[in-house]
Amino acid sequence: MAAVQREVFTARAAVVRALQVATSTSGDPALGDVTAGVAGVERLDAIAERLHGLLKRAST
Protein backbone atom coordinates (compact mmCIF):
# COMPACT_ATOMS: atom_id res chain seq x y z
CA MET A 1 0.00 0.00 0.00
CA ALA A 2 2.85 2.39 0.71
CA ALA A 3 4.13 1.91 -2.84
CA VAL A 4 0.68 2.70 -4.23
CA GLN A 5 0.54 5.81 -2.05
CA ARG A 6 3.88 6.98 -3.47
CA GLU A 7 2.59 6.38 -6.99
CA VAL A 8 -0.51 8.46 -6.24
CA PHE A 9 1.65 11.33 -4.99
CA THR A 10 3.84 11.05 -8.09
CA ALA A 11 0.78 11.15 -10.36
CA ARG A 12 -0.61 14.13 -8.44
CA ALA A 13 2.66 16.02 -8.84
CA ALA A 14 2.67 15.31 -12.57
CA VAL A 15 -0.89 16.62 -12.98
CA VAL A 16 -0.07 19.76 -10.99
CA ARG A 17 3.05 20.37 -13.12
CA ALA A 18 1.02 19.90 -16.31
CA LEU A 19 -1.56 22.40 -15.06
CA GLN A 20 1.16 24.89 -14.21
CA VAL A 21 2.69 24.56 -17.67
CA ALA A 22 -0.70 24.82 -19.37
CA THR A 23 -1.65 27.96 -17.49
CA SER A 24 1.74 29.67 -17.76
CA THR A 25 2.54 29.01 -21.44
CA SER A 26 -0.77 29.30 -23.22
CA GLY A 27 -1.91 32.60 -21.76
CA ASP A 28 -5.54 31.51 -22.15
CA PRO A 29 -5.97 27.89 -21.14
CA ALA A 30 -9.25 26.19 -21.85
CA LEU A 31 -11.34 26.44 -18.70
CA GLY A 32 -12.57 22.88 -19.13
CA ASP A 33 -9.01 21.56 -19.22
CA VAL A 34 -8.06 23.39 -16.03
CA THR A 35 -11.28 22.33 -14.31
CA ALA A 36 -10.67 18.71 -15.27
CA GLY A 37 -7.09 18.93 -14.04
CA VAL A 38 -8.14 20.40 -10.70
CA ALA A 39 -10.79 17.69 -10.34
CA GLY A 40 -8.13 15.08 -11.06
CA VAL A 41 -5.84 16.50 -8.36
CA GLU A 42 -8.72 16.52 -5.88
CA ARG A 43 -9.52 12.89 -6.70
CA LEU A 44 -5.88 11.89 -6.25
CA ASP A 45 -5.85 13.73 -2.90
CA ALA A 46 -8.91 11.76 -1.79
CA ILE A 47 -7.30 8.48 -2.81
CA ALA A 48 -4.08 9.39 -1.00
CA GLU A 49 -6.06 10.26 2.12
CA ARG A 50 -7.84 6.89 2.04
CA LEU A 51 -4.54 5.08 1.57
CA HIS A 52 -3.02 7.00 4.46
CA GLY A 53 -5.88 5.89 6.72
CA LEU A 54 -5.49 2.28 5.63
CA LEU A 55 -1.75 2.38 6.24
CA LYS A 56 -2.24 3.86 9.71
CA ARG A 57 -4.75 1.13 10.60
CA ALA A 58 -2.52 -1.58 9.21
CA SER A 59 0.46 -0.41 11.25
CA THR A 60 -1.37 -0.53 14.58
PDB file of N, CA and C in Angstrom:
ATOM      1  N   MET A   1       0.819  -1.199   0.000  1.00  0.00           N
ATOM      2  CA  MET A   1       0.000   0.000   0.000  1.00  0.00           C
ATOM      3  C   MET A   1       0.860   1.260   0.000  1.00  0.00           C
ATOM      4  N   ALA A   2       1.981   1.214   0.680  1.00  0.00           N
ATOM      5  CA  ALA A   2       2.852   2.387   0.712  1.00  0.00           C
ATOM      6  C   ALA A   2       3.363   2.720  -0.686  1.00  0.00           C
ATOM      7  N   ALA A   3       3.660   1.685  -1.470  1.00  0.00           N
ATOM      8  CA  ALA A   3       4.126   1.912  -2.840  1.00  0.00           C
ATOM      9  C   ALA A   3       3.032   2.553  -3.683  1.00  0.00           C
ATOM     10  N   VAL A   4       1.812   2.109  -3.490  1.00  0.00           N
ATOM     11  CA  VAL A   4       0.684   2.701  -4.228  1.00  0.00           C
ATOM     12  C   VAL A   4       0.510   4.158  -3.816  1.00  0.00           C
ATOM     13  N   GLN A   5       0.660   4.440  -2.526  1.00  0.00           N
ATOM     14  CA  GLN A   5       0.536   5.810  -2.052  1.00  0.00           C
ATOM     15  C   GLN A   5       1.600   6.697  -2.711  1.00  0.00           C
ATOM     16  N   ARG A   6       2.823   6.202  -2.806  1.00  0.00           N
ATOM     17  CA  ARG A   6       3.883   6.982  -3.466  1.00  0.00           C
ATOM     18  C   ARG A   6       3.545   7.222  -4.933  1.00  0.00           C
ATOM     19  N   GLU A   7       2.976   6.220  -5.591  1.00  0.00           N
ATOM     20  CA  GLU A   7       2.586   6.382  -6.994  1.00  0.00           C
ATOM     21  C   GLU A   7       1.490   7.431  -7.146  1.00  0.00           C
ATOM     22  N   VAL A   8       0.556   7.454  -6.211  1.00  0.00           N
ATOM     23  CA  VAL A   8      -0.512   8.463  -6.245  1.00  0.00           C
ATOM     24  C   VAL A   8       0.079   9.858  -6.103  1.00  0.00           C
ATOM     25  N   PHE A   9       1.015  10.021  -5.165  1.00  0.00           N
ATOM     26  CA  PHE A   9       1.647  11.331  -4.987  1.00  0.00           C
ATOM     27  C   PHE A   9       2.441  11.732  -6.228  1.00  0.00           C
ATOM     28  N   THR A  10       3.093  10.768  -6.865  1.00  0.00           N
ATOM     29  CA  THR A  10       3.844  11.047  -8.094  1.00  0.00           C
ATOM     30  C   THR A  10       2.897  11.483  -9.212  1.00  0.00           C
ATOM     31  N   ALA A  11       1.776  10.784  -9.336  1.00  0.00           N
ATOM     32  CA  ALA A  11       0.784  11.147 -10.356  1.00  0.00           C
ATOM     33  C   ALA A  11       0.206  12.527 -10.082  1.00  0.00           C
ATOM     34  N   ARG A  12      -0.075  12.821  -8.812  1.00  0.00           N
ATOM     35  CA  ARG A  12      -0.610  14.129  -8.436  1.00  0.00           C
ATOM     36  C   ARG A  12       0.371  15.236  -8.818  1.00  0.00           C
ATOM     37  N   ALA A  13       1.646  15.024  -8.505  1.00  0.00           N
ATOM     38  CA  ALA A  13       2.664  16.018  -8.836  1.00  0.00           C
ATOM     39  C   ALA A  13       2.738  16.244 -10.341  1.00  0.00           C
ATOM     40  N   ALA A  14       2.624  15.181 -11.115  1.00  0.00           N
ATOM     41  CA  ALA A  14       2.668  15.305 -12.572  1.00  0.00           C
ATOM     42  C   ALA A  14       1.474  16.104 -13.096  1.00  0.00           C
ATOM     43  N   VAL A  15       0.302  15.868 -12.544  1.00  0.00           N
ATOM     44  CA  VAL A  15      -0.889  16.615 -12.976  1.00  0.00           C
ATOM     45  C   VAL A  15      -0.742  18.087 -12.606  1.00  0.00           C
ATOM     46  N   VAL A  16      -0.262  18.366 -11.415  1.00  0.00           N
ATOM     47  CA  VAL A  16      -0.067  19.759 -10.994  1.00  0.00           C
ATOM     48  C   VAL A  16       0.942  20.453 -11.906  1.00  0.00           C
ATOM     49  N   ARG A  17       2.056  19.777 -12.213  1.00  0.00           N
ATOM     50  CA  ARG A  17       3.051  20.373 -13.119  1.00  0.00           C
ATOM     51  C   ARG A  17       2.442  20.648 -14.488  1.00  0.00           C
ATOM     52  N   ALA A  18       1.662  19.714 -15.002  1.00  0.00           N
ATOM     53  CA  ALA A  18       1.024  19.902 -16.307  1.00  0.00           C
ATOM     54  C   ALA A  18       0.074  21.093 -16.277  1.00  0.00           C
ATOM     55  N   LEU A  19      -0.663  21.248 -15.195  1.00  0.00           N
ATOM     56  CA  LEU A  19      -1.562  22.402 -15.063  1.00  0.00           C
ATOM     57  C   LEU A  19      -0.774  23.701 -15.016  1.00  0.00           C
ATOM     58  N   GLN A  20       0.338  23.699 -14.292  1.00  0.00           N
ATOM     59  CA  GLN A  20       1.160  24.894 -14.206  1.00  0.00           C
ATOM     60  C   GLN A  20       1.710  25.274 -15.574  1.00  0.00           C
ATOM     61  N   VAL A  21       2.173  24.298 -16.318  1.00  0.00           N
ATOM     62  CA  VAL A  21       2.692  24.563 -17.665  1.00  0.00           C
ATOM     63  C   VAL A  21       1.578  25.069 -18.565  1.00  0.00           C
ATOM     64  N   ALA A  22       0.420  24.427 -18.505  1.00  0.00           N
ATOM     65  CA  ALA A  22      -0.699  24.822 -19.366  1.00  0.00           C
ATOM     66  C   ALA A  22      -1.148  26.251 -19.082  1.00  0.00           C
ATOM     67  N   THR A  23      -1.170  26.623 -17.821  1.00  0.00           N
ATOM     68  CA  THR A  23      -1.654  27.963 -17.492  1.00  0.00           C
ATOM     69  C   THR A  23      -0.584  29.036 -17.666  1.00  0.00           C
ATOM     70  N   SER A  24       0.692  28.654 -17.636  1.00  0.00           N
ATOM     71  CA  SER A  24       1.736  29.669 -17.763  1.00  0.00           C
ATOM     72  C   SER A  24       2.174  29.880 -19.208  1.00  0.00           C
ATOM     73  N   THR A  25       2.026  28.885 -20.072  1.00  0.00           N
ATOM     74  CA  THR A  25       2.540  29.014 -21.436  1.00  0.00           C
ATOM     75  C   THR A  25       1.477  29.388 -22.452  1.00  0.00           C
ATOM     76  N   SER A  26       0.236  29.056 -22.193  1.00  0.00           N
ATOM     77  CA  SER A  26      -0.774  29.301 -23.217  1.00  0.00           C
ATOM     78  C   SER A  26      -1.400  30.679 -23.098  1.00  0.00           C
ATOM     79  N   GLY A  27      -1.309  31.279 -21.941  1.00  0.00           N
ATOM     80  CA  GLY A  27      -1.906  32.595 -21.763  1.00  0.00           C
ATOM     81  C   GLY A  27      -3.404  32.539 -21.565  1.00  0.00           C
ATOM     82  N   ASP A  28      -4.081  31.632 -22.253  1.00  0.00           N
ATOM     83  CA  ASP A  28      -5.536  31.514 -22.147  1.00  0.00           C
ATOM     84  C   ASP A  28      -5.918  30.038 -22.205  1.00  0.00           C
ATOM     85  N   PRO A  29      -5.664  29.316 -21.119  1.00  0.00           N
ATOM     86  CA  PRO A  29      -5.975  27.886 -21.141  1.00  0.00           C
ATOM     87  C   PRO A  29      -7.473  27.643 -21.209  1.00  0.00           C
ATOM     88  N   ALA A  30      -7.833  26.550 -21.795  1.00  0.00           N
ATOM     89  CA  ALA A  30      -9.246  26.192 -21.854  1.00  0.00           C
ATOM     90  C   ALA A  30      -9.736  25.926 -20.438  1.00  0.00           C
ATOM     91  N   LEU A  31     -10.812  26.575 -20.049  1.00  0.00           N
ATOM     92  CA  LEU A  31     -11.338  26.444 -18.697  1.00  0.00           C
ATOM     93  C   LEU A  31     -11.686  24.994 -18.384  1.00  0.00           C
ATOM     94  N   GLY A  32     -12.222  24.282 -19.345  1.00  0.00           N
ATOM     95  CA  GLY A  32     -12.574  22.879 -19.130  1.00  0.00           C
ATOM     96  C   GLY A  32     -11.362  22.029 -18.814  1.00  0.00           C
ATOM     97  N   ASP A  33     -10.230  22.314 -19.479  1.00  0.00           N
ATOM     98  CA  ASP A  33      -9.008  21.558 -19.218  1.00  0.00           C
ATOM     99  C   ASP A  33      -8.504  21.797 -17.800  1.00  0.00           C
ATOM    100  N   VAL A  34      -8.518  23.056 -17.386  1.00  0.00           N
ATOM    101  CA  VAL A  34      -8.060  23.389 -16.034  1.00  0.00           C
ATOM    102  C   VAL A  34      -9.003  22.786 -15.003  1.00  0.00           C
ATOM    103  N   THR A  35     -10.299  22.890 -15.235  1.00  0.00           N
ATOM    104  CA  THR A  35     -11.284  22.328 -14.307  1.00  0.00           C
ATOM    105  C   THR A  35     -11.108  20.823 -14.180  1.00  0.00           C
ATOM    106  N   ALA A  36     -10.891  20.154 -15.296  1.00  0.00           N
ATOM    107  CA  ALA A  36     -10.670  18.708 -15.270  1.00  0.00           C
ATOM    108  C   ALA A  36      -9.383  18.371 -14.532  1.00  0.00           C
ATOM    109  N   GLY A  37      -8.353  19.165 -14.734  1.00  0.00           N
ATOM    110  CA  GLY A  37      -7.091  18.935 -14.038  1.00  0.00           C
ATOM    111  C   GLY A  37      -7.232  19.109 -12.540  1.00  0.00           C
ATOM    112  N   VAL A  38      -7.920  20.157 -12.129  1.00  0.00           N
ATOM    113  CA  VAL A  38      -8.142  20.399 -10.700  1.00  0.00           C
ATOM    114  C   VAL A  38      -8.969  19.261 -10.104  1.00  0.00           C
ATOM    115  N   ALA A  39      -9.974  18.815 -10.823  1.00  0.00           N
ATOM    116  CA  ALA A  39     -10.789  17.694 -10.342  1.00  0.00           C
ATOM    117  C   ALA A  39      -9.937  16.435 -10.205  1.00  0.00           C
ATOM    118  N   GLY A  40      -9.021  16.241 -11.131  1.00  0.00           N
ATOM    119  CA  GLY A  40      -8.129  15.083 -11.060  1.00  0.00           C
ATOM    120  C   GLY A  40      -7.227  15.141  -9.840  1.00  0.00           C
ATOM    121  N   VAL A  41      -6.689  16.325  -9.545  1.00  0.00           N
ATOM    122  CA  VAL A  41      -5.840  16.498  -8.357  1.00  0.00           C
ATOM    123  C   VAL A  41      -6.660  16.238  -7.095  1.00  0.00           C
ATOM    124  N   GLU A  42      -7.873  16.747  -7.049  1.00  0.00           N
ATOM    125  CA  GLU A  42      -8.725  16.524  -5.877  1.00  0.00           C
ATOM    126  C   GLU A  42      -9.027  15.037  -5.691  1.00  0.00           C
ATOM    127  N   ARG A  43      -9.249  14.334  -6.783  1.00  0.00           N
ATOM    128  CA  ARG A  43      -9.516  12.888  -6.704  1.00  0.00           C
ATOM    129  C   ARG A  43      -8.279  12.145  -6.202  1.00  0.00           C
ATOM    130  N   LEU A  44      -7.116  12.513  -6.713  1.00  0.00           N
ATOM    131  CA  LEU A  44      -5.885  11.888  -6.248  1.00  0.00           C
ATOM    132  C   LEU A  44      -5.646  12.186  -4.765  1.00  0.00           C
ATOM    133  N   ASP A  45      -5.970  13.393  -4.324  1.00  0.00           N
ATOM    134  CA  ASP A  45      -5.850  13.726  -2.902  1.00  0.00           C
ATOM    135  C   ASP A  45      -6.761  12.841  -2.056  1.00  0.00           C
ATOM    136  N   ALA A  46      -7.974  12.610  -2.526  1.00  0.00           N
ATOM    137  CA  ALA A  46      -8.914  11.763  -1.786  1.00  0.00           C
ATOM    138  C   ALA A  46      -8.399  10.328  -1.712  1.00  0.00           C
ATOM    139  N   ILE A  47      -7.849   9.835  -2.797  1.00  0.00           N
ATOM    140  CA  ILE A  47      -7.296   8.482  -2.812  1.00  0.00           C
ATOM    141  C   ILE A  47      -6.113   8.395  -1.858  1.00  0.00           C
ATOM    142  N   ALA A  48      -5.236   9.386  -1.890  1.00  0.00           N
ATOM    143  CA  ALA A  48      -4.080   9.392  -1.001  1.00  0.00           C
ATOM    144  C   ALA A  48      -4.515   9.426   0.459  1.00  0.00           C
ATOM    145  N   GLU A  49      -5.550  10.185   0.758  1.00  0.00           N
ATOM    146  CA  GLU A  49      -6.058  10.258   2.123  1.00  0.00           C
ATOM    147  C   GLU A  49      -6.593   8.898   2.579  1.00  0.00           C
ATOM    148  N   ARG A  50      -7.334   8.226   1.709  1.00  0.00           N
ATOM    149  CA  ARG A  50      -7.844   6.894   2.045  1.00  0.00           C
ATOM    150  C   ARG A  50      -6.698   5.914   2.279  1.00  0.00           C
ATOM    151  N   LEU A  51      -5.689   5.951   1.406  1.00  0.00           N
ATOM    152  CA  LEU A  51      -4.540   5.077   1.570  1.00  0.00           C
ATOM    153  C   LEU A  51      -3.818   5.359   2.885  1.00  0.00           C
ATOM    154  N   HIS A  52      -3.684   6.622   3.218  1.00  0.00           N
ATOM    155  CA  HIS A  52      -3.017   7.003   4.463  1.00  0.00           C
ATOM    156  C   HIS A  52      -3.764   6.392   5.662  1.00  0.00           C
ATOM    157  N   GLY A  53      -5.086   6.482   5.642  1.00  0.00           N
ATOM    158  CA  GLY A  53      -5.882   5.891   6.718  1.00  0.00           C
ATOM    159  C   GLY A  53      -5.707   4.393   6.795  1.00  0.00           C
ATOM    160  N   LEU A  54      -5.691   3.731   5.654  1.00  0.00           N
ATOM    161  CA  LEU A  54      -5.486   2.277   5.631  1.00  0.00           C
ATOM    162  C   LEU A  54      -4.106   1.897   6.165  1.00  0.00           C
ATOM    163  N   LEU A  55      -3.097   2.667   5.766  1.00  0.00           N
ATOM    164  CA  LEU A  55      -1.747   2.385   6.236  1.00  0.00           C
ATOM    165  C   LEU A  55      -1.633   2.593   7.752  1.00  0.00           C
ATOM    166  N   LYS A  56      -2.275   3.619   8.269  1.00  0.00           N
ATOM    167  CA  LYS A  56      -2.239   3.862   9.710  1.00  0.00           C
ATOM    168  C   LYS A  56      -2.907   2.710  10.462  1.00  0.00           C
ATOM    169  N   ARG A  57      -4.054   2.250   9.947  1.00  0.00           N
ATOM    170  CA  ARG A  57      -4.753   1.134  10.603  1.00  0.00           C
ATOM    171  C   ARG A  57      -3.956  -0.146  10.524  1.00  0.00           C
ATOM    172  N   ALA A  58      -3.289  -0.361   9.396  1.00  0.00           N
ATOM    173  CA  ALA A  58      -2.519  -1.584   9.205  1.00  0.00           C
ATOM    174  C   ALA A  58      -1.279  -1.615  10.100  1.00  0.00           C
ATOM    175  N   SER A  59      -0.761  -0.445  10.448  1.00  0.00           N
ATOM    176  CA  SER A  59       0.462  -0.411  11.246  1.00  0.00           C
ATOM    177  C   SER A  59       0.202  -0.502  12.739  1.00  0.00           C
ATOM    178  N   THR A  60      -1.072  -0.445  13.145  1.00  0.00           N
ATOM    179  CA  THR A  60      -1.371  -0.531  14.583  1.00  0.00           C
ATOM    180  C   THR A  60      -1.742  -1.940  14.986  1.00  0.00           C
TER     181      THR A  60
END
